[in-house]
PDB file of N, CA and C in Angstrom:
ATOM      1  N   UNK A   1       7.341  -6.513 -11.533  1.00  0.00           N
ATOM      2  CA  UNK A   1       5.977  -6.758 -11.132  1.00  0.00           C
ATOM      3  C   UNK A   1       5.596  -5.746 -10.036  1.00  0.00           C
ATOM      4  N   UNK A   2       4.484  -5.087 -10.216  1.00  0.00           N
ATOM      5  CA  UNK A   2       4.017  -4.107  -9.234  1.00  0.00           C
ATOM      6  C   UNK A   2       3.302  -4.816  -8.089  1.00  0.00           C
ATOM      7  N   UNK A   3       3.361  -4.187  -6.923  1.00  0.00           N
ATOM      8  CA  UNK A   3       2.783  -4.789  -5.717  1.00  0.00           C
ATOM      9  C   UNK A   3       1.408  -4.220  -5.415  1.00  0.00           C
ATOM     10  N   UNK A   4       0.549  -5.074  -4.923  1.00  0.00           N
ATOM     11  CA  UNK A   4      -0.734  -4.666  -4.365  1.00  0.00           C
ATOM     12  C   UNK A   4      -0.647  -4.874  -2.865  1.00  0.00           C
ATOM     13  N   UNK A   5      -1.334  -4.029  -2.118  1.00  0.00           N
ATOM     14  CA  UNK A   5      -1.317  -4.121  -0.666  1.00  0.00           C
ATOM     15  C   UNK A   5      -2.738  -4.190  -0.146  1.00  0.00           C
ATOM     16  N   UNK A   6      -2.881  -4.702   1.054  1.00  0.00           N
ATOM     17  CA  UNK A   6      -4.175  -4.718   1.721  1.00  0.00           C
ATOM     18  C   UNK A   6      -3.985  -4.185   3.134  1.00  0.00           C
ATOM     19  N   UNK A   7      -4.938  -3.392   3.578  1.00  0.00           N
ATOM     20  CA  UNK A   7      -4.936  -2.949   4.972  1.00  0.00           C
ATOM     21  C   UNK A   7      -5.854  -3.888   5.733  1.00  0.00           C
ATOM     22  N   UNK A   8      -5.302  -4.489   6.772  1.00  0.00           N
ATOM     23  CA  UNK A   8      -6.015  -5.487   7.567  1.00  0.00           C
ATOM     24  C   UNK A   8      -6.371  -4.877   8.916  1.00  0.00           C
ATOM     25  N   UNK A   9      -7.622  -5.007   9.318  1.00  0.00           N
ATOM     26  CA  UNK A   9      -8.060  -4.522  10.626  1.00  0.00           C
ATOM     27  C   UNK A   9      -8.804  -5.657  11.321  1.00  0.00           C
ATOM     28  N   UNK A  10      -8.257  -6.132  12.411  1.00  0.00           N
ATOM     29  CA  UNK A  10      -8.835  -7.232  13.181  1.00  0.00           C
ATOM     30  C   UNK A  10      -9.091  -8.464  12.308  1.00  0.00           C
ATOM     31  N   UNK A  11      -8.128  -8.732  11.438  1.00  0.00           N
ATOM     32  CA  UNK A  11      -8.205  -9.924  10.600  1.00  0.00           C
ATOM     33  C   UNK A  11      -9.087  -9.793   9.371  1.00  0.00           C
ATOM     34  N   UNK A  12      -9.613  -8.601   9.118  1.00  0.00           N
ATOM     35  CA  UNK A  12     -10.496  -8.370   7.971  1.00  0.00           C
ATOM     36  C   UNK A  12      -9.845  -7.373   7.020  1.00  0.00           C
ATOM     37  N   UNK A  13      -9.857  -7.688   5.725  1.00  0.00           N
ATOM     38  CA  UNK A  13      -9.345  -6.755   4.726  1.00  0.00           C
ATOM     39  C   UNK A  13     -10.319  -5.587   4.631  1.00  0.00           C
ATOM     40  N   UNK A  14      -9.827  -4.390   4.950  1.00  0.00           N
ATOM     41  CA  UNK A  14     -10.694  -3.219   4.921  1.00  0.00           C
ATOM     42  C   UNK A  14     -10.345  -2.270   3.778  1.00  0.00           C
ATOM     43  N   UNK A  15      -9.206  -2.508   3.137  1.00  0.00           N
ATOM     44  CA  UNK A  15      -8.810  -1.656   2.019  1.00  0.00           C
ATOM     45  C   UNK A  15      -7.824  -2.410   1.159  1.00  0.00           C
ATOM     46  N   UNK A  16      -7.990  -2.325  -0.145  1.00  0.00           N
ATOM     47  CA  UNK A  16      -7.023  -2.870  -1.090  1.00  0.00           C
ATOM     48  C   UNK A  16      -6.383  -1.686  -1.790  1.00  0.00           C
ATOM     49  N   UNK A  17      -5.059  -1.661  -1.785  1.00  0.00           N
ATOM     50  CA  UNK A  17      -4.316  -0.560  -2.390  1.00  0.00           C
ATOM     51  C   UNK A  17      -3.642  -1.096  -3.642  1.00  0.00           C
ATOM     52  N   UNK A  18      -4.085  -0.615  -4.778  1.00  0.00           N
ATOM     53  CA  UNK A  18      -3.576  -1.091  -6.062  1.00  0.00           C
ATOM     54  C   UNK A  18      -2.276  -0.396  -6.436  1.00  0.00           C
ATOM     55  N   UNK A  19      -1.503  -1.003  -7.339  1.00  0.00           N
ATOM     56  CA  UNK A  19      -0.253  -0.385  -7.789  1.00  0.00           C
ATOM     57  C   UNK A  19      -0.514   0.967  -8.438  1.00  0.00           C
ATOM     58  N   UNK A  20       0.508   1.804  -8.407  1.00  0.00           N
ATOM     59  CA  UNK A  20       0.423   3.120  -9.031  1.00  0.00           C
ATOM     60  C   UNK A  20       1.760   3.402  -9.684  1.00  0.00           C
ATOM     61  N   UNK A  21       1.751   3.849 -10.927  1.00  0.00           N
ATOM     62  CA  UNK A  21       2.980   4.139 -11.672  1.00  0.00           C
ATOM     63  C   UNK A  21       3.084   5.629 -11.957  1.00  0.00           C
ATOM     64  N   UNK A  22       4.330   6.098 -12.034  1.00  0.00           N
ATOM     65  CA  UNK A  22       4.559   7.502 -12.388  1.00  0.00           C
ATOM     66  C   UNK A  22       4.490   7.659 -13.902  1.00  0.00           C
ATOM     67  N   UNK A  23       4.802   8.848 -14.386  1.00  0.00           N
ATOM     68  CA  UNK A  23       4.694   9.129 -15.822  1.00  0.00           C
ATOM     69  C   UNK A  23       5.672   8.313 -16.666  1.00  0.00           C
ATOM     70  N   UNK A  24       6.709   7.745 -16.031  1.00  0.00           N
ATOM     71  CA  UNK A  24       7.685   6.909 -16.746  1.00  0.00           C
ATOM     72  C   UNK A  24       7.327   5.424 -16.685  1.00  0.00           C
ATOM     73  N   UNK A  25       6.234   5.107 -15.999  1.00  0.00           N
ATOM     74  CA  UNK A  25       5.827   3.716 -15.872  1.00  0.00           C
ATOM     75  C   UNK A  25       6.472   2.995 -14.707  1.00  0.00           C
ATOM     76  N   UNK A  26       7.228   3.735 -13.875  1.00  0.00           N
ATOM     77  CA  UNK A  26       7.871   3.131 -12.706  1.00  0.00           C
ATOM     78  C   UNK A  26       6.919   3.137 -11.529  1.00  0.00           C
ATOM     79  N   UNK A  27       6.939   2.038 -10.772  1.00  0.00           N
ATOM     80  CA  UNK A  27       6.069   1.939  -9.600  1.00  0.00           C
ATOM     81  C   UNK A  27       6.449   2.986  -8.559  1.00  0.00           C
ATOM     82  N   UNK A  28       5.439   3.638  -7.995  1.00  0.00           N
ATOM     83  CA  UNK A  28       5.644   4.582  -6.903  1.00  0.00           C
ATOM     84  C   UNK A  28       5.495   3.787  -5.608  1.00  0.00           C
ATOM     85  N   UNK A  29       6.563   3.734  -4.797  1.00  0.00           N
ATOM     86  CA  UNK A  29       6.491   2.952  -3.555  1.00  0.00           C
ATOM     87  C   UNK A  29       5.383   3.449  -2.629  1.00  0.00           C
ATOM     88  N   UNK A  30       4.795   2.542  -1.907  1.00  0.00           N
ATOM     89  CA  UNK A  30       3.689   2.878  -1.013  1.00  0.00           C
ATOM     90  C   UNK A  30       4.106   3.928   0.020  1.00  0.00           C
ATOM     91  N   UNK A  31       5.375   3.884   0.440  1.00  0.00           N
ATOM     92  CA  UNK A  31       5.858   4.843   1.424  1.00  0.00           C
ATOM     93  C   UNK A  31       5.793   6.280   0.912  1.00  0.00           C
ATOM     94  N   UNK A  32       5.871   6.465  -0.402  1.00  0.00           N
ATOM     95  CA  UNK A  32       5.805   7.799  -0.997  1.00  0.00           C
ATOM     96  C   UNK A  32       4.378   8.224  -1.313  1.00  0.00           C
ATOM     97  N   UNK A  33       3.467   7.296  -1.302  1.00  0.00           N
ATOM     98  CA  UNK A  33       2.083   7.586  -1.669  1.00  0.00           C
ATOM     99  C   UNK A  33       1.219   8.003  -0.499  1.00  0.00           C
ATOM    100  N   UNK A  34       1.635   7.680   0.710  1.00  0.00           N
ATOM    101  CA  UNK A  34       0.831   7.962   1.890  1.00  0.00           C
ATOM    102  C   UNK A  34       1.643   8.773   2.885  1.00  0.00           C
ATOM    103  N   UNK A  35       0.951   9.580   3.666  1.00  0.00           N
ATOM    104  CA  UNK A  35       1.620  10.337   4.723  1.00  0.00           C
ATOM    105  C   UNK A  35       2.294   9.366   5.682  1.00  0.00           C
ATOM    106  N   UNK A  36       3.384   9.793   6.256  1.00  0.00           N
ATOM    107  CA  UNK A  36       4.103   8.927   7.184  1.00  0.00           C
ATOM    108  C   UNK A  36       3.330   8.828   8.494  1.00  0.00           C
ATOM    109  N   UNK A  37       2.614   7.732   8.634  1.00  0.00           N
ATOM    110  CA  UNK A  37       1.851   7.469   9.840  1.00  0.00           C
ATOM    111  C   UNK A  37       2.132   6.019  10.233  1.00  0.00           C
ATOM    112  N   UNK A  38       3.192   5.802  11.037  1.00  0.00           N
ATOM    113  CA  UNK A  38       3.613   4.427  11.352  1.00  0.00           C
ATOM    114  C   UNK A  38       2.505   3.527  11.881  1.00  0.00           C
ATOM    115  N   UNK A  39       1.552   4.072  12.605  1.00  0.00           N
ATOM    116  CA  UNK A  39       0.485   3.228  13.144  1.00  0.00           C
ATOM    117  C   UNK A  39      -0.379   2.643  12.030  1.00  0.00           C
ATOM    118  N   UNK A  40      -0.386   3.246  10.847  1.00  0.00           N
ATOM    119  CA  UNK A  40      -1.148   2.696   9.730  1.00  0.00           C
ATOM    120  C   UNK A  40      -0.375   1.582   9.031  1.00  0.00           C
ATOM    121  N   UNK A  41       0.939   1.714   8.967  1.00  0.00           N
ATOM    122  CA  UNK A  41       1.730   0.755   8.220  1.00  0.00           C
ATOM    123  C   UNK A  41       1.938  -0.559   8.962  1.00  0.00           C
ATOM    124  N   UNK A  42       1.755  -0.602  10.268  1.00  0.00           N
ATOM    125  CA  UNK A  42       1.984  -1.848  10.993  1.00  0.00           C
ATOM    126  C   UNK A  42       1.038  -2.941  10.537  1.00  0.00           C
ATOM    127  N   UNK A  43      -0.134  -2.589  10.027  1.00  0.00           N
ATOM    128  CA  UNK A  43      -1.109  -3.586   9.593  1.00  0.00           C
ATOM    129  C   UNK A  43      -1.107  -3.803   8.084  1.00  0.00           C
ATOM    130  N   UNK A  44      -0.232  -3.118   7.358  1.00  0.00           N
ATOM    131  CA  UNK A  44      -0.204  -3.287   5.898  1.00  0.00           C
ATOM    132  C   UNK A  44       0.583  -4.528   5.549  1.00  0.00           C
ATOM    133  N   UNK A  45       0.005  -5.336   4.714  1.00  0.00           N
ATOM    134  CA  UNK A  45       0.657  -6.565   4.270  1.00  0.00           C
ATOM    135  C   UNK A  45       0.558  -6.665   2.759  1.00  0.00           C
ATOM    136  N   UNK A  46       1.525  -7.278   2.166  1.00  0.00           N
ATOM    137  CA  UNK A  46       1.486  -7.500   0.733  1.00  0.00           C
ATOM    138  C   UNK A  46       0.375  -8.498   0.431  1.00  0.00           C
ATOM    139  N   UNK A  47      -0.441  -8.178  -0.534  1.00  0.00           N
ATOM    140  CA  UNK A  47      -1.565  -9.060  -0.877  1.00  0.00           C
ATOM    141  C   UNK A  47      -1.108 -10.141  -1.848  1.00  0.00           C
TER     142      UNK A  47
END
């Protein structure tokens, strides 16, 4: 099952990040999809 994520800012969902698969149909982890910016990931929660 692929994961969806939401970015939460001050208790409000400001972005929904949908699953993404590579050419083989395997889920691409969120850590590989976004630049490494730890301050952004602290508010990411599994939806």
